[in-house]
Protein backbone atom coordinates (compact mmCIF):
# COMPACT_ATOMS: atom_id res chain seq x y z
CA MET A 1 -93.55 328.86 -111.16
CA PRO A 2 -92.57 325.18 -110.68
CA GLN A 3 -90.47 324.48 -107.59
CA LEU A 4 -87.25 322.36 -107.74
CA GLY A 5 -86.37 319.71 -105.25
CA MET A 6 -87.19 316.11 -104.41
CA ARG A 7 -89.13 316.89 -101.25
CA VAL A 8 -91.52 319.37 -102.83
CA ASN A 9 -92.04 317.07 -105.83
CA LEU A 10 -92.11 313.83 -103.81
CA ALA A 11 -95.42 312.45 -105.20
CA GLN A 12 -94.48 312.74 -108.84
CA PHE A 13 -90.84 311.72 -108.15
CA SER A 14 -92.00 308.58 -106.40
CA LEU A 15 -94.43 307.74 -109.17
CA LEU A 16 -91.60 308.06 -111.78
CA VAL A 17 -89.44 305.77 -109.64
CA ALA A 18 -92.21 303.14 -109.81
CA VAL A 19 -92.58 303.72 -113.55
CA ASN A 20 -88.91 303.06 -114.04
CA ALA A 21 -89.11 299.88 -112.07
CA LEU A 22 -91.71 298.67 -114.61
CA VAL A 23 -89.33 299.77 -117.50
CA GLY A 24 -86.55 297.67 -115.93
CA GLY A 25 -88.85 294.70 -115.55
CA MET A 26 -89.49 294.74 -119.31
CA LEU A 27 -85.72 294.29 -119.78
CA GLY A 28 -85.40 291.71 -117.03
CA GLN A 29 -87.86 289.37 -118.65
CA GLU A 30 -85.15 288.46 -121.13
CA ARG A 31 -82.00 288.21 -119.00
CA THR A 32 -82.29 284.57 -117.95
CA VAL A 33 -84.56 283.05 -120.59
CA LEU A 34 -83.52 284.36 -124.07
CA PRO A 35 -79.89 283.04 -124.12
CA LEU A 36 -81.31 279.57 -123.18
CA LEU A 37 -84.13 279.91 -125.73
CA ALA A 38 -81.55 280.59 -128.43
CA GLU A 39 -79.75 277.31 -127.64
CA GLN A 40 -82.52 274.97 -126.59
CA GLU A 41 -85.47 275.89 -128.81
CA PHE A 42 -83.93 277.67 -131.85
CA HIS A 43 -80.67 275.61 -131.83
CA LEU A 44 -78.33 278.49 -132.49
CA THR A 45 -74.73 277.30 -132.10
CA ALA A 46 -72.75 280.33 -133.08
CA TYR A 47 -72.43 282.93 -130.34
CA THR A 48 -72.52 285.85 -132.87
CA ALA A 49 -75.90 284.63 -134.11
CA ALA A 50 -77.28 283.98 -130.66
CA LEU A 51 -76.33 287.46 -129.54
CA SER A 52 -78.02 289.12 -132.60
CA TYR A 53 -81.01 290.08 -130.41
CA ILE A 54 -78.69 292.09 -128.17
CA LEU A 55 -77.18 293.79 -131.17
CA ALA A 56 -80.67 294.74 -132.48
CA PHE A 57 -81.66 295.96 -128.99
CA GLY A 58 -78.52 298.03 -128.54
CA VAL A 59 -78.71 299.77 -131.91
CA THR A 60 -82.35 300.69 -131.63
CA LYS A 61 -82.10 301.68 -127.98
CA ALA A 62 -79.17 303.98 -128.69
CA ALA A 63 -80.98 305.65 -131.51
CA ALA A 64 -84.19 305.98 -129.40
CA ASN A 65 -82.17 307.55 -126.54
CA TYR A 66 -80.98 310.25 -128.92
CA ALA A 67 -84.40 310.83 -130.35
CA ALA A 68 -85.95 310.93 -126.89
CA GLY A 69 -83.96 313.95 -125.73
CA THR A 70 -84.85 315.97 -128.83
CA LEU A 71 -88.52 314.84 -128.73
CA ALA A 72 -88.75 315.60 -125.01
CA ASP A 73 -87.42 319.22 -125.56
CA ARG A 74 -89.76 319.77 -128.49
CA TYR A 75 -93.04 318.11 -127.40
CA GLY A 76 -92.70 317.51 -123.70
CA ARG A 77 -91.63 314.59 -121.58
CA LYS A 78 -94.95 312.84 -121.02
CA PRO A 79 -95.96 312.19 -124.63
CA VAL A 80 -92.61 310.55 -125.23
CA LEU A 81 -93.07 308.34 -122.14
CA VAL A 82 -96.52 307.20 -123.23
CA ALA A 83 -95.33 306.49 -126.80
CA GLY A 84 -92.52 304.25 -125.39
CA TRP A 85 -95.05 302.16 -123.41
CA ILE A 86 -97.29 301.75 -126.40
CA ILE A 87 -94.33 300.35 -128.38
CA ALA A 88 -93.56 297.95 -125.49
CA VAL A 89 -96.95 296.20 -125.46
CA PRO A 90 -96.35 293.74 -128.40
CA VAL A 91 -92.87 292.67 -127.22
CA PRO A 92 -93.82 289.86 -124.81
CA LEU A 93 -96.47 288.62 -127.17
CA MET A 94 -93.92 288.32 -129.98
CA LEU A 95 -91.55 286.46 -127.72
CA ILE A 96 -94.34 284.03 -126.68
CA TRP A 97 -95.51 283.38 -130.21
CA ALA A 98 -92.10 283.55 -132.07
CA PRO A 99 -91.85 280.70 -134.59
CA ASN A 100 -88.31 281.47 -135.52
CA TRP A 101 -85.32 283.65 -134.25
CA SER A 102 -86.13 286.56 -136.55
CA TRP A 103 -89.31 287.23 -134.45
CA VAL A 104 -87.07 287.41 -131.33
CA VAL A 105 -84.76 289.94 -133.07
CA ALA A 106 -87.78 291.95 -134.25
CA ALA A 107 -89.19 291.91 -130.74
CA ASN A 108 -85.89 293.31 -129.46
CA VAL A 109 -85.98 296.07 -132.02
CA LEU A 110 -89.32 297.23 -130.43
CA LEU A 111 -87.93 296.63 -126.93
CA GLY A 112 -84.92 298.83 -127.74
CA LEU A 113 -87.11 301.65 -129.09
CA SER A 114 -89.42 301.39 -126.06
CA GLN A 115 -86.51 301.29 -123.49
CA GLY A 116 -84.78 304.20 -125.19
CA LEU A 117 -87.94 306.43 -124.93
CA THR A 118 -89.19 305.32 -121.51
CA TRP A 119 -85.96 305.04 -119.53
CA SER A 120 -84.48 308.21 -121.06
CA VAL A 121 -87.54 310.25 -120.26
CA THR A 122 -87.80 308.98 -116.63
CA VAL A 123 -84.11 310.11 -116.22
CA ILE A 124 -84.82 313.50 -117.78
CA MET A 125 -88.02 313.99 -115.66
CA LYS A 126 -86.24 313.21 -112.44
CA ILE A 127 -83.39 315.59 -113.28
CA ASP A 128 -86.05 318.18 -114.05
CA LEU A 129 -87.70 317.71 -110.58
CA ALA A 130 -84.68 317.22 -108.36
CA GLY A 131 -82.70 320.37 -109.08
CA PRO A 132 -78.91 320.69 -108.84
CA LEU A 133 -78.09 319.70 -105.33
CA ARG A 134 -79.57 316.19 -105.15
CA ARG A 135 -78.91 314.99 -108.66
CA GLY A 136 -76.80 311.96 -107.59
CA LEU A 137 -79.55 310.82 -105.18
CA ALA A 138 -82.20 311.28 -107.87
CA MET A 139 -80.24 309.15 -110.37
CA GLY A 140 -79.41 306.58 -107.74
CA LEU A 141 -83.05 306.08 -106.93
CA ASN A 142 -84.00 305.99 -110.60
CA GLU A 143 -81.34 303.47 -111.66
CA ALA A 144 -81.80 301.43 -108.49
CA ALA A 145 -85.51 300.95 -109.23
CA GLY A 146 -84.84 299.99 -112.77
CA TYR A 147 -82.12 297.43 -112.10
CA LEU A 148 -83.65 295.96 -109.00
CA ALA A 149 -86.64 295.27 -111.22
CA VAL A 150 -84.24 293.71 -113.84
CA ALA A 151 -82.90 291.49 -111.09
CA PHE A 152 -86.20 290.51 -109.60
CA THR A 153 -87.64 289.68 -113.00
CA ALA A 154 -84.56 287.74 -114.09
CA LEU A 155 -84.89 285.67 -110.90
CA ALA A 156 -88.63 285.28 -111.27
CA THR A 157 -88.50 284.22 -114.96
CA GLY A 158 -85.76 281.69 -114.13
CA TYR A 159 -88.11 280.17 -111.52
CA LEU A 160 -91.13 280.24 -113.91
CA ALA A 161 -89.01 278.70 -116.70
CA SER A 162 -87.87 275.83 -114.41
CA GLN A 163 -91.48 275.13 -113.40
CA TYR A 164 -93.44 275.74 -116.57
CA GLY A 165 -90.97 275.87 -119.46
CA LEU A 166 -89.18 278.70 -121.28
CA ARG A 167 -92.48 279.79 -122.93
CA PRO A 168 -95.01 281.38 -122.34
CA ALA A 169 -94.97 281.77 -118.54
CA PRO A 170 -91.84 284.03 -118.14
CA PHE A 171 -93.06 286.55 -120.66
CA LEU A 172 -96.57 286.89 -119.17
CA LEU A 173 -94.85 288.88 -116.43
CA GLY A 174 -93.56 291.32 -119.04
CA LEU A 175 -96.99 291.61 -120.49
CA SER A 176 -98.38 292.70 -117.13
CA TYR A 177 -95.53 295.27 -116.72
CA ALA A 178 -96.38 296.85 -120.14
CA ALA A 179 -100.12 297.17 -119.34
CA ILE A 180 -99.50 298.76 -115.89
CA GLY A 181 -96.74 301.07 -117.20
CA LEU A 182 -98.89 302.40 -120.02
CA GLY A 183 -101.85 302.99 -117.75
CA VAL A 184 -99.87 304.77 -115.00
CA SER A 185 -97.91 306.93 -117.51
CA ALA A 186 -101.00 307.98 -119.42
CA LEU A 187 -103.24 308.71 -116.42
CA LEU A 188 -101.05 309.76 -113.53
CA VAL A 189 -97.70 311.10 -114.64
CA LYS A 190 -97.51 314.94 -115.07
CA GLU A 191 -95.34 316.95 -117.46
CA THR A 192 -92.03 318.26 -115.99
CA ARG A 193 -90.55 320.37 -118.83
CA GLY A 194 -91.60 323.53 -116.95
CA HIS A 195 -89.21 322.63 -114.18
CA ALA A 196 -86.28 322.68 -116.52
CA THR A 197 -87.37 326.00 -117.89
CA SER A 198 -87.56 327.32 -114.37
CA GLU A 199 -84.00 326.07 -113.50
CA ALA A 200 -82.65 327.61 -116.74
CA GLN A 201 -83.39 331.14 -115.36
CA SER A 202 -80.55 330.69 -112.74
CA TRP A 203 -78.00 329.86 -115.49
CA GLU A 204 -76.28 332.24 -117.78
CA SER A 205 -77.60 332.01 -121.37
CA GLN A 206 -75.39 330.11 -123.81
CA GLY A 207 -77.44 330.98 -126.80
CA GLU A 208 -79.35 328.53 -128.88
CA LEU A 209 -77.25 325.45 -129.64
CA THR A 210 -78.03 323.21 -132.64
CA ASN A 211 -78.49 319.52 -132.22
CA ARG A 212 -75.16 319.03 -134.02
CA GLU A 213 -73.36 321.38 -131.61
CA ILE A 214 -74.79 319.51 -128.63
CA PHE A 215 -73.75 316.17 -130.15
CA VAL A 216 -70.18 317.28 -130.74
CA ARG A 217 -69.85 318.91 -127.34
CA THR A 218 -71.21 315.89 -125.48
CA SER A 219 -69.36 313.30 -127.55
CA PHE A 220 -65.92 314.75 -128.09
CA ARG A 221 -65.24 318.37 -127.11
CA GLU A 222 -66.32 318.89 -123.53
CA PRO A 223 -63.90 316.87 -121.29
CA ALA A 224 -66.42 315.72 -118.64
CA LEU A 225 -69.26 314.99 -121.03
CA SER A 226 -67.06 313.14 -123.47
CA SER A 227 -65.39 311.13 -120.73
CA ALA A 228 -68.80 310.13 -119.41
CA SER A 229 -69.88 309.13 -122.93
CA GLN A 230 -66.98 306.74 -123.51
CA ALA A 231 -67.30 305.28 -119.98
CA GLY A 232 -70.96 304.71 -120.38
CA MET A 233 -70.38 302.92 -123.67
CA VAL A 234 -67.79 300.59 -122.19
CA ASN A 235 -69.94 299.95 -119.15
CA ASN A 236 -72.79 298.67 -121.29
CA LEU A 237 -70.37 296.84 -123.57
CA ASN A 238 -69.53 294.65 -120.60
CA ASP A 239 -73.17 294.47 -119.62
CA GLY A 240 -74.04 293.14 -123.16
CA LEU A 241 -71.41 290.53 -122.66
CA ALA A 242 -72.79 289.51 -119.26
CA TRP A 243 -76.37 289.43 -120.60
CA GLY A 244 -75.62 287.31 -123.68
CA LEU A 245 -72.73 284.95 -122.75
CA PHE A 246 -72.84 284.40 -118.99
CA PRO A 247 -76.06 282.27 -118.95
CA ILE A 248 -74.62 280.09 -121.75
CA MET A 249 -71.31 279.71 -119.92
CA PHE A 250 -73.19 278.80 -116.72
CA ALA A 251 -75.35 276.23 -118.53
CA ALA A 252 -72.33 274.68 -120.18
CA ALA A 253 -70.86 274.23 -116.70
CA GLY A 254 -73.86 272.14 -115.69
CA LEU A 255 -75.62 274.68 -113.43
CA SER A 256 -79.41 274.33 -112.99
CA LEU A 257 -81.91 276.93 -114.28
CA ASN A 258 -82.51 278.08 -110.69
CA HIS A 259 -78.77 278.69 -110.16
CA ILE A 260 -78.49 280.39 -113.54
CA GLY A 261 -81.38 282.62 -112.50
CA VAL A 262 -79.68 283.49 -109.26
CA LEU A 263 -76.44 284.42 -110.98
CA ALA A 264 -78.35 286.35 -113.70
CA ALA A 265 -80.16 288.27 -110.94
CA ALA A 266 -77.29 288.80 -108.50
CA TYR A 267 -75.33 291.27 -110.68
CA PRO A 268 -78.25 293.64 -111.38
CA ALA A 269 -79.52 293.25 -107.80
CA VAL A 270 -76.26 294.35 -106.23
CA TRP A 271 -76.04 297.04 -108.97
CA GLY A 272 -79.52 298.26 -108.14
CA ILE A 273 -79.20 298.26 -104.34
CA GLY A 274 -75.73 299.78 -104.52
CA GLN A 275 -77.01 302.81 -106.38
CA LEU A 276 -79.00 303.79 -103.32
CA ILE A 277 -75.69 304.37 -101.69
CA THR A 278 -73.39 305.47 -104.55
CA GLY A 279 -75.91 308.02 -106.04
CA PRO A 280 -76.14 310.19 -102.88
CA ALA A 281 -72.52 309.52 -102.10
CA SER A 282 -71.55 311.19 -105.34
CA ASP A 283 -73.41 314.27 -104.17
CA ARG A 284 -71.20 314.44 -101.03
CA LEU A 285 -67.89 313.00 -102.27
CA GLY A 286 -67.85 313.94 -105.91
CA ARG A 287 -68.37 312.09 -109.21
CA LYS A 288 -64.87 311.35 -110.72
CA ASN A 289 -63.29 309.11 -108.16
CA LEU A 290 -66.45 306.90 -107.97
CA ILE A 291 -66.43 306.54 -111.77
CA VAL A 292 -62.73 305.67 -111.96
CA GLY A 293 -62.94 303.17 -109.02
CA GLY A 294 -66.13 301.58 -110.40
CA MET A 295 -64.68 300.98 -113.87
CA LEU A 296 -61.50 299.42 -112.43
CA LEU A 297 -63.58 297.21 -110.05
CA GLN A 298 -65.68 296.02 -112.97
CA ALA A 299 -62.52 295.07 -114.85
CA VAL A 300 -61.29 292.90 -111.95
CA ALA A 301 -64.70 291.31 -111.49
CA LEU A 302 -64.93 290.39 -115.24
CA ALA A 303 -61.52 288.81 -115.08
CA GLY A 304 -62.81 286.87 -112.16
CA PHE A 305 -65.63 285.35 -114.19
CA ALA A 306 -63.09 284.25 -116.79
CA ALA A 307 -60.59 282.80 -114.29
CA ALA A 308 -63.12 280.98 -112.04
CA SER A 309 -65.58 278.18 -112.32
CA GLY A 310 -68.55 277.12 -110.19
CA PHE A 311 -71.51 278.78 -108.55
CA VAL A 312 -69.84 280.35 -105.54
CA PRO A 313 -66.82 281.94 -107.36
CA TRP A 314 -69.12 283.24 -110.11
CA LEU A 315 -71.51 284.65 -107.48
CA LEU A 316 -68.68 286.54 -105.80
CA SER A 317 -67.66 287.85 -109.25
CA ALA A 318 -71.26 288.91 -109.93
CA ILE A 319 -71.34 290.82 -106.61
CA GLY A 320 -68.10 292.58 -107.50
CA LEU A 321 -69.38 293.49 -110.94
CA GLY A 322 -72.61 294.84 -109.41
CA ILE A 323 -70.74 297.00 -106.93
CA GLY A 324 -68.47 298.42 -109.64
CA THR A 325 -71.41 299.18 -111.91
CA ALA A 326 -73.34 300.81 -109.05
CA MET A 327 -70.40 303.14 -108.54
CA VAL A 328 -70.46 304.21 -112.16
CA TYR A 329 -74.03 304.18 -113.44
CA PRO A 330 -75.93 306.90 -111.57
CA THR A 331 -72.71 308.95 -111.19
CA LEU A 332 -72.19 309.26 -114.93
CA LEU A 333 -75.78 310.49 -115.37
CA ALA A 334 -75.41 312.95 -112.52
CA SER A 335 -72.17 314.36 -114.05
CA VAL A 336 -73.98 314.88 -117.39
CA GLY A 337 -76.74 316.70 -115.51
CA ASP A 338 -74.10 318.79 -113.68
CA VAL A 339 -72.44 320.09 -116.82
CA ALA A 340 -75.24 320.35 -119.38
CA HIS A 341 -77.29 323.56 -119.43
CA PRO A 342 -81.01 323.03 -118.63
CA ALA A 343 -81.94 324.46 -121.96
CA TRP A 344 -80.22 321.57 -123.78
CA ARG A 345 -79.75 319.09 -120.94
CA ALA A 346 -82.44 316.59 -122.33
CA ARG A 347 -80.56 316.44 -125.60
CA ALA A 348 -77.22 315.98 -123.90
CA VAL A 349 -78.63 313.12 -121.82
CA GLY A 350 -79.93 311.68 -125.14
CA VAL A 351 -76.46 311.88 -126.72
CA TYR A 352 -74.79 310.33 -123.63
CA ARG A 353 -77.30 307.48 -123.70
CA LEU A 354 -76.82 307.07 -127.40
CA TRP A 355 -73.17 306.27 -126.79
CA ARG A 356 -73.87 304.36 -123.49
CA ASP A 357 -76.48 302.02 -124.97
CA GLY A 358 -74.57 301.74 -128.17
CA GLY A 359 -72.31 299.67 -125.98
CA PHE A 360 -74.91 296.88 -125.97
CA ALA A 361 -74.53 296.50 -129.67
CA VAL A 362 -70.71 296.81 -129.63
CA GLY A 363 -70.56 294.35 -126.79
CA ALA A 364 -72.81 291.79 -128.45
CA LEU A 365 -70.83 291.99 -131.71
CA LEU A 366 -67.38 292.03 -130.10
CA ALA A 367 -68.12 289.38 -127.58
CA GLY A 368 -69.87 287.07 -130.04
CA LEU A 369 -66.98 287.28 -132.54
CA LEU A 370 -64.34 286.74 -129.86
CA ALA A 371 -66.32 283.83 -128.33
CA ASP A 372 -66.69 282.14 -131.67
CA LEU A 373 -63.06 282.55 -132.56
CA PHE A 374 -61.35 282.06 -129.23
CA GLY A 375 -63.90 280.95 -126.61
CA ILE A 376 -66.07 282.74 -124.01
CA ARG A 377 -63.33 283.14 -121.42
CA THR A 378 -61.01 284.94 -123.91
CA ALA A 379 -63.87 287.25 -124.85
CA ILE A 380 -64.40 288.11 -121.12
CA TYR A 381 -60.69 288.85 -120.61
CA VAL A 382 -60.64 291.26 -123.61
CA VAL A 383 -63.73 293.13 -122.32
CA ALA A 384 -62.16 293.38 -118.82
CA ALA A 385 -59.05 294.94 -120.36
CA LEU A 386 -61.16 297.49 -122.31
CA THR A 387 -63.04 298.32 -119.09
CA ALA A 388 -59.80 299.03 -117.24
CA VAL A 389 -58.60 301.30 -120.11
CA SER A 390 -61.87 303.27 -119.91
CA GLY A 391 -61.35 303.92 -116.23
CA ILE A 392 -57.89 305.30 -116.92
CA VAL A 393 -59.27 307.56 -119.63
CA VAL A 394 -61.68 309.08 -117.06
CA ALA A 395 -58.88 309.47 -114.57
CA VAL A 396 -56.75 311.44 -117.06
CA ARG A 397 -59.42 313.47 -118.91
CA MET A 398 -62.42 314.13 -116.64
CA TYR A 399 -62.67 316.92 -114.07
CA GLU A 400 -64.87 316.94 -110.99
CA THR A 401 -68.35 318.09 -111.91
CA ARG A 402 -70.20 318.00 -108.57
CA VAL A 403 -71.92 321.30 -107.77
CA LEU A 404 -72.31 322.57 -104.24
CA THR A 405 -74.70 325.50 -104.92
CA ALA A 406 -77.11 326.31 -107.70
CA PRO A 407 -74.96 327.09 -110.70
CA ARG A 408 -74.90 330.25 -112.83
CA ARG A 409 -73.08 329.30 -115.95
């Protein structure tokens, strides 16, 4: 029978942390370069049009997240992971060769599909391996690896773009990530579905739930799961704004490519490192207060971006935004893992991530429209207000989900 726990599964757990770092790197290759590519090479002047690639990414990643949970329960985790990496391989090549903006949008459709499958499954596999008592730590390590890789790659691609141009050098890094990720996932990663089956024996049976019942429970009916779903969506709504509009705002202020790269990297770097602290802290202190505090801190930091100008004030705001996001991101995933039954946990994670990454699409559309109509700073203020409201919803509706012993539900 498979054993639960991070220590007993350390080899596979560590390998999956490394795989998720490669997944994050695939996302990071775009953070600095694509907003500038939209303006400088494809001459897109409307913010809504320039952010169309984030809209495409968000819609397809959200759908792939939902599919990943169902497919992982039906066929196993590893086949879904390998399929996600196969889809990732053409992405950097399309970005290098893109003759027009539609190629960039198409590449982000594939990137969204790939990220939805690969990132979702690495989350599910780590939850499978870790067991109930170290779920926050497991999610902290998973998300830290992914977003530190986003930060490193955003910084590296900014440097490569400043030295060698916006194409092709920055995207060659992404091509190497895809090749390594596919090889490691196909040859070294082992299936973990048996661990979830083993854990389910310590839970009371809830009967066989349909996909529709799981969707309704996670999205609307169950207070903790639905609170996590809306908070995750708003969190990625503001991340979509940061991804798409911040580099443009920084460039308009006259910052260099290197400074833009530092600012683009600082937020996910603090986010990534912070999760090494906040993930395990949620195992000791609980989930709810970290989520509420993190959402409110994000709101303050976003307002700081809108109110300030210059490299140093923006860097301080990026650090604040990273800390707030670190408080929220692994903690939301851990809370979903706390509440969802092992028999349908993969599908619940898929539903949660459907809502969460749908925030990329909502953020791109909302931020683009507001920026076109009223300017970038007004768009940022509106998103800051929405983030604060989301934190208040969690404070009112969510209950504490942290488990202190193996549950029997």
